[in-house]
Amino acid sequence: MRMLTIRRAALLGLLVLGVGVLGCTAPGDQAQHRQDEAQKELAARAGITIDTSTGQASGGPAAAGGGGAAGNDPVKLGQAVALQNACAACHTTDGKASVGPTWKGLAGHDVDLVDGSKVKADDAYLKESILQPNAKVVKGFAPNVMPQTFSSLKPEQIDQLIAYINSLK
C-alpha cells in the first residue's frame, strides 16, 4: 500500500512538474489550476495543506507522533518545500532509483560524479545541487533534467529542504 502511494505521489509530482515547468497547452488559467490541484492532492497524501495563494504549508506526517502544524521544525518545513516543488517526481526517499538520485542516505556520504570525481554530500554540495543542478551531476544520471527554477527559492526554504534531506538516513 505504501509503495503504491509513493508511486502515485511521484506520478502526481511529474504532473506538477510537467504543468509547472514545461508549461501546459491548456488555454487560459487551466494550466495553473491543474498545477494547483495536483499540488494540493500530492500534499494531501502527505497530510500537508498548501495555501496556493501564499505558498505556505502546514501539517504533515513528518512530525514525531503524527500530524500537526509544521511550526518551526526545519525538517517538516523542508518536507513541505519538497512537496510544493514536486521534488518527489524525481527524487525518492526510500533508496530506490528514479529520475534523480534518491535522498535516502545521501547526506554526509561520498557521491560519484559523471566526471569521475567524488564529492561529499554535505550542506554546501546539497545547496549547490539545488541552485545549480548541472554543476556536479551524479554518476548514472543525465544532466539538464532537473529544472533550473529552484534558484527562486528563499534561502530559508533551501536550508529547510537541506534539513529534510539530512533527516533521511
N, C-alpha and C. Protein backbone atom coordinates (compact mmCIF):
# COMPACT_ATOMS: atom_id res chain seq x y z
N MET A 1 0.83 -1.19 0.00
CA MET A 1 0.00 0.00 0.00
C MET A 1 0.87 1.25 0.00
N ARG A 2 1.93 1.28 0.85
CA ARG A 2 2.79 2.45 0.93
C ARG A 2 3.51 2.66 -0.40
N MET A 3 3.97 1.57 -1.04
CA MET A 3 4.67 1.68 -2.31
C MET A 3 3.74 2.28 -3.37
N LEU A 4 2.48 1.86 -3.37
CA LEU A 4 1.52 2.38 -4.31
C LEU A 4 1.32 3.88 -4.08
N THR A 5 1.24 4.28 -2.82
CA THR A 5 1.09 5.70 -2.50
C THR A 5 2.30 6.50 -2.96
N ILE A 6 3.50 5.98 -2.76
CA ILE A 6 4.72 6.67 -3.19
C ILE A 6 4.73 6.81 -4.71
N ARG A 7 4.34 5.73 -5.41
CA ARG A 7 4.32 5.81 -6.87
C ARG A 7 3.28 6.81 -7.35
N ARG A 8 2.11 6.82 -6.71
CA ARG A 8 1.10 7.80 -7.09
C ARG A 8 1.59 9.21 -6.81
N ALA A 9 2.27 9.39 -5.67
CA ALA A 9 2.81 10.71 -5.34
C ALA A 9 3.84 11.12 -6.38
N ALA A 10 4.67 10.19 -6.82
CA ALA A 10 5.67 10.51 -7.84
C ALA A 10 5.01 10.88 -9.16
N LEU A 11 3.95 10.15 -9.52
CA LEU A 11 3.23 10.48 -10.75
C LEU A 11 2.58 11.85 -10.65
N LEU A 12 2.01 12.14 -9.49
CA LEU A 12 1.43 13.47 -9.30
C LEU A 12 2.51 14.54 -9.37
N GLY A 13 3.67 14.23 -8.81
CA GLY A 13 4.78 15.16 -8.88
C GLY A 13 5.19 15.42 -10.32
N LEU A 14 5.20 14.37 -11.13
CA LEU A 14 5.51 14.55 -12.55
C LEU A 14 4.47 15.44 -13.22
N LEU A 15 3.21 15.26 -12.83
CA LEU A 15 2.16 16.11 -13.37
C LEU A 15 2.42 17.56 -13.01
N VAL A 16 2.74 17.80 -11.74
CA VAL A 16 3.03 19.16 -11.30
C VAL A 16 4.25 19.69 -12.04
N LEU A 17 5.28 18.87 -12.15
CA LEU A 17 6.50 19.28 -12.84
C LEU A 17 6.20 19.61 -14.29
N GLY A 18 5.44 18.75 -14.96
CA GLY A 18 5.10 18.97 -16.36
C GLY A 18 4.28 20.22 -16.57
N VAL A 19 3.32 20.44 -15.73
CA VAL A 19 2.47 21.61 -15.87
C VAL A 19 3.21 22.87 -15.46
N GLY A 20 3.94 22.80 -14.34
CA GLY A 20 4.58 23.99 -13.80
C GLY A 20 5.82 24.41 -14.54
N VAL A 21 6.63 23.46 -14.96
CA VAL A 21 7.92 23.80 -15.56
C VAL A 21 7.86 23.80 -17.08
N LEU A 22 7.28 22.76 -17.63
CA LEU A 22 7.25 22.64 -19.08
C LEU A 22 6.12 23.44 -19.71
N GLY A 23 5.15 23.77 -18.90
CA GLY A 23 4.00 24.51 -19.40
C GLY A 23 2.96 23.57 -19.95
N CYS A 24 1.78 24.04 -20.00
CA CYS A 24 0.67 23.23 -20.48
C CYS A 24 0.01 23.97 -21.62
N THR A 25 -0.48 23.24 -22.59
CA THR A 25 -1.11 23.87 -23.74
C THR A 25 -2.56 24.20 -23.48
N ALA A 26 -3.06 23.91 -22.29
CA ALA A 26 -4.45 24.24 -21.97
C ALA A 26 -4.63 25.75 -22.03
N PRO A 27 -5.77 26.21 -22.54
CA PRO A 27 -5.98 27.65 -22.65
C PRO A 27 -6.19 28.31 -21.30
N GLY A 28 -5.87 29.61 -21.27
CA GLY A 28 -6.17 30.44 -20.10
C GLY A 28 -5.51 29.96 -18.83
N ASP A 29 -6.27 30.02 -17.76
CA ASP A 29 -5.77 29.69 -16.44
C ASP A 29 -5.88 28.21 -16.10
N GLN A 30 -6.28 27.38 -17.05
CA GLN A 30 -6.45 25.97 -16.78
C GLN A 30 -5.14 25.31 -16.34
N ALA A 31 -4.04 25.71 -16.94
CA ALA A 31 -2.76 25.11 -16.59
C ALA A 31 -2.42 25.40 -15.14
N GLN A 32 -2.57 26.64 -14.70
CA GLN A 32 -2.29 26.99 -13.31
C GLN A 32 -3.24 26.25 -12.38
N HIS A 33 -4.51 26.16 -12.77
CA HIS A 33 -5.49 25.46 -11.93
C HIS A 33 -5.09 23.99 -11.78
N ARG A 34 -4.69 23.35 -12.87
CA ARG A 34 -4.27 21.94 -12.82
C ARG A 34 -3.05 21.78 -11.91
N GLN A 35 -2.10 22.70 -12.02
CA GLN A 35 -0.92 22.63 -11.18
C GLN A 35 -1.30 22.76 -9.71
N ASP A 36 -2.16 23.74 -9.41
CA ASP A 36 -2.60 23.94 -8.02
C ASP A 36 -3.31 22.71 -7.48
N GLU A 37 -4.18 22.12 -8.28
CA GLU A 37 -4.92 20.94 -7.85
C GLU A 37 -3.98 19.75 -7.63
N ALA A 38 -3.02 19.57 -8.52
CA ALA A 38 -2.06 18.47 -8.37
C ALA A 38 -1.22 18.65 -7.12
N GLN A 39 -0.79 19.89 -6.84
CA GLN A 39 -0.03 20.15 -5.62
C GLN A 39 -0.86 19.86 -4.39
N LYS A 40 -2.12 20.28 -4.40
CA LYS A 40 -2.99 20.04 -3.26
C LYS A 40 -3.18 18.54 -3.02
N GLU A 41 -3.37 17.78 -4.10
CA GLU A 41 -3.58 16.34 -3.95
C GLU A 41 -2.32 15.66 -3.44
N LEU A 42 -1.17 16.02 -3.98
CA LEU A 42 0.09 15.43 -3.53
C LEU A 42 0.34 15.77 -2.06
N ALA A 43 0.11 17.01 -1.70
CA ALA A 43 0.30 17.42 -0.31
C ALA A 43 -0.69 16.72 0.61
N ALA A 44 -1.93 16.57 0.17
CA ALA A 44 -2.94 15.90 0.99
C ALA A 44 -2.54 14.47 1.29
N ARG A 45 -1.92 13.81 0.32
CA ARG A 45 -1.46 12.43 0.53
C ARG A 45 -0.41 12.37 1.64
N ALA A 46 0.33 13.45 1.79
CA ALA A 46 1.36 13.51 2.83
C ALA A 46 0.83 14.17 4.10
N GLY A 47 -0.44 14.56 4.10
CA GLY A 47 -1.03 15.19 5.27
C GLY A 47 -0.63 16.64 5.44
N ILE A 48 -0.24 17.28 4.35
CA ILE A 48 0.19 18.67 4.39
C ILE A 48 -0.80 19.51 3.61
N THR A 49 -1.17 20.64 4.16
CA THR A 49 -2.07 21.57 3.49
C THR A 49 -1.24 22.72 2.92
N ILE A 50 -1.48 23.03 1.64
CA ILE A 50 -0.75 24.10 0.99
C ILE A 50 -1.74 25.17 0.57
N ASP A 51 -1.50 26.40 0.99
CA ASP A 51 -2.27 27.54 0.53
C ASP A 51 -1.58 28.02 -0.74
N THR A 52 -2.18 27.73 -1.89
CA THR A 52 -1.52 28.02 -3.16
C THR A 52 -1.43 29.52 -3.43
N SER A 53 -2.22 30.33 -2.75
CA SER A 53 -2.11 31.77 -2.96
C SER A 53 -0.88 32.35 -2.27
N THR A 54 -0.47 31.73 -1.15
CA THR A 54 0.70 32.23 -0.42
C THR A 54 1.89 31.29 -0.51
N GLY A 55 1.63 30.02 -0.87
CA GLY A 55 2.70 29.02 -0.91
C GLY A 55 3.06 28.47 0.46
N GLN A 56 2.30 28.84 1.50
CA GLN A 56 2.58 28.38 2.86
C GLN A 56 2.01 26.98 3.07
N ALA A 57 2.73 26.16 3.80
CA ALA A 57 2.31 24.79 4.09
C ALA A 57 2.17 24.61 5.58
N SER A 58 1.29 23.69 5.94
CA SER A 58 1.15 23.36 7.36
C SER A 58 0.76 21.90 7.47
N GLY A 59 1.02 21.32 8.66
CA GLY A 59 0.67 19.93 8.92
C GLY A 59 1.72 18.99 8.37
N GLY A 60 1.40 17.70 8.41
CA GLY A 60 2.28 16.71 7.81
C GLY A 60 2.64 15.59 8.74
N PRO A 61 2.90 14.41 8.17
CA PRO A 61 3.21 13.25 8.96
C PRO A 61 4.63 13.21 9.47
N ALA A 62 5.45 14.17 9.07
CA ALA A 62 6.85 14.14 9.49
C ALA A 62 7.00 14.46 10.97
N ALA A 63 5.95 14.98 11.56
CA ALA A 63 6.01 15.30 12.99
C ALA A 63 6.11 14.01 13.79
N ALA A 64 6.94 14.03 14.80
CA ALA A 64 7.05 12.85 15.65
C ALA A 64 5.71 12.59 16.30
N GLY A 65 5.21 11.39 16.12
CA GLY A 65 3.94 11.04 16.72
C GLY A 65 2.74 11.46 15.91
N GLY A 66 2.91 11.97 14.71
CA GLY A 66 1.74 12.26 13.89
C GLY A 66 1.76 13.63 13.27
N GLY A 67 0.56 14.14 13.00
CA GLY A 67 0.37 15.37 12.26
C GLY A 67 0.62 16.59 13.11
N GLY A 68 -0.03 17.66 12.72
CA GLY A 68 0.13 18.92 13.42
C GLY A 68 0.83 19.93 12.54
N ALA A 69 0.82 21.16 12.96
CA ALA A 69 1.42 22.22 12.17
C ALA A 69 2.93 22.04 12.08
N ALA A 70 3.46 22.43 10.95
CA ALA A 70 4.89 22.30 10.74
C ALA A 70 5.67 23.18 11.70
N GLY A 71 5.06 24.31 12.10
CA GLY A 71 5.71 25.20 13.07
C GLY A 71 7.07 25.65 12.60
N ASN A 72 8.05 25.55 13.49
CA ASN A 72 9.41 25.99 13.17
C ASN A 72 10.36 24.84 12.93
N ASP A 73 9.87 23.63 12.85
CA ASP A 73 10.72 22.46 12.63
C ASP A 73 11.23 22.48 11.19
N PRO A 74 12.54 22.70 11.00
CA PRO A 74 13.07 22.81 9.64
C PRO A 74 12.88 21.54 8.81
N VAL A 75 12.86 20.37 9.46
CA VAL A 75 12.67 19.12 8.71
C VAL A 75 11.26 19.07 8.13
N LYS A 76 10.26 19.38 8.95
CA LYS A 76 8.88 19.38 8.47
C LYS A 76 8.66 20.46 7.42
N LEU A 77 9.25 21.62 7.64
CA LEU A 77 9.14 22.69 6.67
C LEU A 77 9.84 22.31 5.36
N GLY A 78 10.97 21.62 5.47
CA GLY A 78 11.68 21.14 4.28
C GLY A 78 10.88 20.11 3.51
N GLN A 79 10.17 19.25 4.24
CA GLN A 79 9.30 18.28 3.58
C GLN A 79 8.21 19.02 2.80
N ALA A 80 7.67 20.07 3.40
CA ALA A 80 6.65 20.88 2.72
C ALA A 80 7.23 21.55 1.48
N VAL A 81 8.45 22.07 1.56
CA VAL A 81 9.10 22.69 0.40
C VAL A 81 9.26 21.65 -0.71
N ALA A 82 9.67 20.44 -0.34
CA ALA A 82 9.84 19.37 -1.32
C ALA A 82 8.51 19.05 -2.01
N LEU A 83 7.45 19.00 -1.24
CA LEU A 83 6.14 18.74 -1.82
C LEU A 83 5.67 19.88 -2.71
N GLN A 84 5.86 21.09 -2.25
CA GLN A 84 5.43 22.26 -3.03
C GLN A 84 6.14 22.34 -4.37
N ASN A 85 7.36 21.84 -4.42
CA ASN A 85 8.16 21.95 -5.63
C ASN A 85 8.27 20.64 -6.40
N ALA A 86 7.45 19.66 -6.02
CA ALA A 86 7.35 18.37 -6.73
C ALA A 86 8.68 17.63 -6.81
N CYS A 87 9.50 17.75 -5.79
CA CYS A 87 10.79 17.06 -5.78
C CYS A 87 10.64 15.54 -5.86
N ALA A 88 9.53 15.02 -5.29
CA ALA A 88 9.29 13.58 -5.28
C ALA A 88 9.03 13.03 -6.68
N ALA A 89 8.83 13.91 -7.64
CA ALA A 89 8.65 13.44 -9.01
C ALA A 89 9.92 12.78 -9.52
N CYS A 90 11.07 13.17 -8.98
CA CYS A 90 12.35 12.65 -9.46
C CYS A 90 13.23 12.06 -8.36
N HIS A 91 13.05 12.49 -7.12
CA HIS A 91 13.89 12.03 -6.01
C HIS A 91 13.06 11.21 -5.03
N THR A 92 13.51 9.98 -4.77
CA THR A 92 12.81 9.14 -3.80
C THR A 92 13.40 9.36 -2.41
N THR A 93 12.66 8.91 -1.42
CA THR A 93 13.14 8.98 -0.04
C THR A 93 13.25 7.58 0.56
N ASP A 94 13.18 6.57 -0.30
CA ASP A 94 13.24 5.18 0.18
C ASP A 94 14.45 4.41 -0.34
N GLY A 95 15.35 5.09 -1.04
CA GLY A 95 16.56 4.45 -1.53
C GLY A 95 16.44 3.86 -2.92
N LYS A 96 15.26 3.86 -3.50
CA LYS A 96 15.07 3.27 -4.83
C LYS A 96 15.44 4.28 -5.91
N ALA A 97 15.89 3.74 -7.04
CA ALA A 97 16.29 4.57 -8.17
C ALA A 97 15.08 5.26 -8.78
N SER A 98 15.32 6.42 -9.33
CA SER A 98 14.29 7.19 -10.02
C SER A 98 14.97 8.06 -11.06
N VAL A 99 14.30 9.11 -11.48
CA VAL A 99 14.88 10.02 -12.47
C VAL A 99 16.11 10.72 -11.91
N GLY A 100 16.05 11.06 -10.62
CA GLY A 100 17.18 11.69 -9.95
C GLY A 100 17.66 10.82 -8.80
N PRO A 101 18.77 11.17 -8.20
CA PRO A 101 19.29 10.38 -7.08
C PRO A 101 18.32 10.34 -5.90
N THR A 102 18.31 9.20 -5.21
CA THR A 102 17.49 9.11 -4.01
C THR A 102 18.07 10.03 -2.95
N TRP A 103 17.20 10.52 -2.09
CA TRP A 103 17.67 11.35 -0.97
C TRP A 103 17.97 10.52 0.26
N LYS A 104 17.49 9.28 0.28
CA LYS A 104 17.72 8.44 1.46
C LYS A 104 19.21 8.13 1.58
N GLY A 105 19.79 8.49 2.71
CA GLY A 105 21.19 8.18 2.97
C GLY A 105 22.18 9.02 2.19
N LEU A 106 21.70 10.02 1.49
CA LEU A 106 22.59 10.85 0.67
C LEU A 106 23.50 11.73 1.51
N ALA A 107 22.90 12.42 2.47
CA ALA A 107 23.64 13.42 3.24
C ALA A 107 24.83 12.81 3.98
N GLY A 108 25.98 13.45 3.83
CA GLY A 108 27.19 13.03 4.52
C GLY A 108 27.98 11.94 3.84
N HIS A 109 27.47 11.41 2.76
CA HIS A 109 28.15 10.33 2.06
C HIS A 109 28.88 10.83 0.82
N ASP A 110 29.85 10.05 0.35
CA ASP A 110 30.55 10.37 -0.88
C ASP A 110 29.65 10.06 -2.06
N VAL A 111 29.69 10.94 -3.05
CA VAL A 111 28.87 10.79 -4.25
C VAL A 111 29.81 10.74 -5.46
N ASP A 112 29.65 9.71 -6.29
CA ASP A 112 30.41 9.61 -7.53
C ASP A 112 29.74 10.49 -8.58
N LEU A 113 30.56 11.28 -9.27
CA LEU A 113 30.04 12.20 -10.28
C LEU A 113 30.35 11.71 -11.68
N VAL A 114 29.62 12.23 -12.67
CA VAL A 114 29.80 11.80 -14.05
C VAL A 114 31.20 12.09 -14.58
N ASP A 115 31.88 13.07 -14.01
CA ASP A 115 33.23 13.40 -14.50
C ASP A 115 34.31 12.52 -13.87
N GLY A 116 33.89 11.53 -13.07
CA GLY A 116 34.83 10.60 -12.45
C GLY A 116 35.31 11.03 -11.07
N SER A 117 34.97 12.22 -10.64
CA SER A 117 35.38 12.68 -9.31
C SER A 117 34.35 12.26 -8.26
N LYS A 118 34.71 12.52 -7.01
CA LYS A 118 33.82 12.25 -5.88
C LYS A 118 33.67 13.52 -5.09
N VAL A 119 32.52 13.65 -4.44
CA VAL A 119 32.26 14.80 -3.59
C VAL A 119 31.48 14.33 -2.37
N LYS A 120 31.73 14.97 -1.24
CA LYS A 120 30.97 14.69 -0.03
C LYS A 120 29.63 15.41 -0.13
N ALA A 121 28.54 14.71 0.12
CA ALA A 121 27.20 15.31 0.07
C ALA A 121 26.94 16.06 1.37
N ASP A 122 27.69 17.14 1.57
CA ASP A 122 27.48 17.99 2.75
C ASP A 122 26.48 19.08 2.40
N ASP A 123 26.21 19.97 3.33
CA ASP A 123 25.22 21.01 3.10
C ASP A 123 25.58 21.91 1.91
N ALA A 124 26.86 22.20 1.75
CA ALA A 124 27.29 23.06 0.64
C ALA A 124 27.01 22.38 -0.70
N TYR A 125 27.30 21.08 -0.79
CA TYR A 125 27.03 20.34 -2.03
C TYR A 125 25.53 20.30 -2.31
N LEU A 126 24.73 20.03 -1.27
CA LEU A 126 23.28 19.96 -1.46
C LEU A 126 22.74 21.30 -1.94
N LYS A 127 23.21 22.39 -1.34
CA LYS A 127 22.77 23.72 -1.75
C LYS A 127 23.15 23.99 -3.20
N GLU A 128 24.38 23.69 -3.54
CA GLU A 128 24.83 23.89 -4.92
C GLU A 128 24.00 23.07 -5.89
N SER A 129 23.66 21.85 -5.51
CA SER A 129 22.90 20.97 -6.39
C SER A 129 21.47 21.47 -6.58
N ILE A 130 20.92 22.13 -5.57
CA ILE A 130 19.58 22.71 -5.69
C ILE A 130 19.62 23.94 -6.60
N LEU A 131 20.59 24.79 -6.37
CA LEU A 131 20.67 26.06 -7.10
C LEU A 131 21.27 25.94 -8.49
N GLN A 132 22.22 25.01 -8.64
CA GLN A 132 22.89 24.80 -9.93
C GLN A 132 22.96 23.30 -10.20
N PRO A 133 21.86 22.71 -10.60
CA PRO A 133 21.77 21.25 -10.73
C PRO A 133 22.81 20.61 -11.65
N ASN A 134 23.33 21.34 -12.60
CA ASN A 134 24.30 20.76 -13.53
C ASN A 134 25.74 20.98 -13.12
N ALA A 135 25.97 21.62 -11.98
CA ALA A 135 27.35 21.89 -11.54
C ALA A 135 28.10 20.60 -11.25
N LYS A 136 27.44 19.66 -10.58
CA LYS A 136 28.06 18.38 -10.23
C LYS A 136 27.00 17.30 -10.37
N VAL A 137 26.98 16.66 -11.53
CA VAL A 137 25.95 15.67 -11.84
C VAL A 137 26.38 14.30 -11.32
N VAL A 138 25.47 13.63 -10.62
CA VAL A 138 25.74 12.32 -10.05
C VAL A 138 25.86 11.28 -11.15
N LYS A 139 26.87 10.40 -11.01
CA LYS A 139 27.11 9.32 -11.97
C LYS A 139 25.85 8.48 -12.10
N GLY A 140 25.52 8.17 -13.35
CA GLY A 140 24.33 7.36 -13.62
C GLY A 140 23.09 8.19 -13.90
N PHE A 141 23.23 9.51 -13.81
CA PHE A 141 22.11 10.40 -14.06
C PHE A 141 22.50 11.40 -15.14
N ALA A 142 21.50 11.83 -15.89
CA ALA A 142 21.75 12.74 -17.01
C ALA A 142 21.73 14.20 -16.54
N PRO A 143 22.55 15.03 -17.17
CA PRO A 143 22.47 16.47 -16.89
C PRO A 143 21.23 17.06 -17.56
N ASN A 144 20.92 18.27 -17.20
CA ASN A 144 19.83 19.03 -17.82
C ASN A 144 18.45 18.40 -17.62
N VAL A 145 18.29 17.61 -16.57
CA VAL A 145 16.99 17.02 -16.27
C VAL A 145 16.29 17.85 -15.20
N MET A 146 17.03 18.20 -14.16
CA MET A 146 16.43 18.99 -13.08
C MET A 146 16.21 20.42 -13.55
N PRO A 147 15.00 20.91 -13.34
CA PRO A 147 14.71 22.29 -13.76
C PRO A 147 15.64 23.29 -13.07
N GLN A 148 15.96 24.33 -13.76
CA GLN A 148 16.86 25.36 -13.24
C GLN A 148 16.08 26.43 -12.47
N THR A 149 14.87 26.13 -12.05
CA THR A 149 13.98 27.13 -11.46
C THR A 149 14.08 27.24 -9.95
N PHE A 150 14.87 26.41 -9.31
CA PHE A 150 14.88 26.40 -7.86
C PHE A 150 15.72 27.53 -7.26
N SER A 151 16.37 28.31 -8.11
CA SER A 151 17.09 29.47 -7.60
C SER A 151 16.12 30.53 -7.06
N SER A 152 14.84 30.36 -7.37
CA SER A 152 13.83 31.30 -6.87
C SER A 152 13.42 30.97 -5.43
N LEU A 153 13.88 29.84 -4.90
CA LEU A 153 13.58 29.51 -3.50
C LEU A 153 14.26 30.51 -2.58
N LYS A 154 13.60 30.83 -1.50
CA LYS A 154 14.19 31.71 -0.49
C LYS A 154 15.30 30.95 0.23
N PRO A 155 16.31 31.65 0.74
CA PRO A 155 17.41 30.97 1.44
C PRO A 155 16.92 30.07 2.57
N GLU A 156 15.90 30.51 3.32
CA GLU A 156 15.41 29.67 4.42
C GLU A 156 14.72 28.42 3.89
N GLN A 157 14.10 28.48 2.71
CA GLN A 157 13.49 27.29 2.12
C GLN A 157 14.56 26.29 1.70
N ILE A 158 15.66 26.80 1.18
CA ILE A 158 16.76 25.91 0.79
C ILE A 158 17.33 25.24 2.04
N ASP A 159 17.52 26.00 3.11
CA ASP A 159 18.01 25.43 4.37
C ASP A 159 17.05 24.38 4.90
N GLN A 160 15.75 24.63 4.80
CA GLN A 160 14.75 23.68 5.26
C GLN A 160 14.77 22.41 4.42
N LEU A 161 14.90 22.56 3.11
CA LEU A 161 14.97 21.41 2.22
C LEU A 161 16.22 20.57 2.54
N ILE A 162 17.33 21.23 2.80
CA ILE A 162 18.56 20.53 3.17
C ILE A 162 18.38 19.80 4.50
N ALA A 163 17.70 20.43 5.45
CA ALA A 163 17.43 19.77 6.73
C ALA A 163 16.60 18.51 6.52
N TYR A 164 15.63 18.58 5.62
CA TYR A 164 14.81 17.41 5.32
C TYR A 164 15.65 16.31 4.69
N ILE A 165 16.48 16.65 3.72
CA ILE A 165 17.35 15.65 3.07
C ILE A 165 18.30 15.04 4.11
N ASN A 166 18.84 15.88 4.99
CA ASN A 166 19.73 15.37 6.05
C ASN A 166 19.03 14.40 6.99
N SER A 167 17.72 14.54 7.15
CA SER A 167 16.97 13.68 8.07
C SER A 167 16.70 12.30 7.48
N LEU A 168 16.90 12.13 6.22
CA LEU A 168 16.56 10.87 5.53
C LEU A 168 17.75 9.92 5.58
N LYS A 169 17.95 9.30 6.70
CA LYS A 169 19.10 8.40 6.92
C LYS A 169 18.92 7.07 6.24
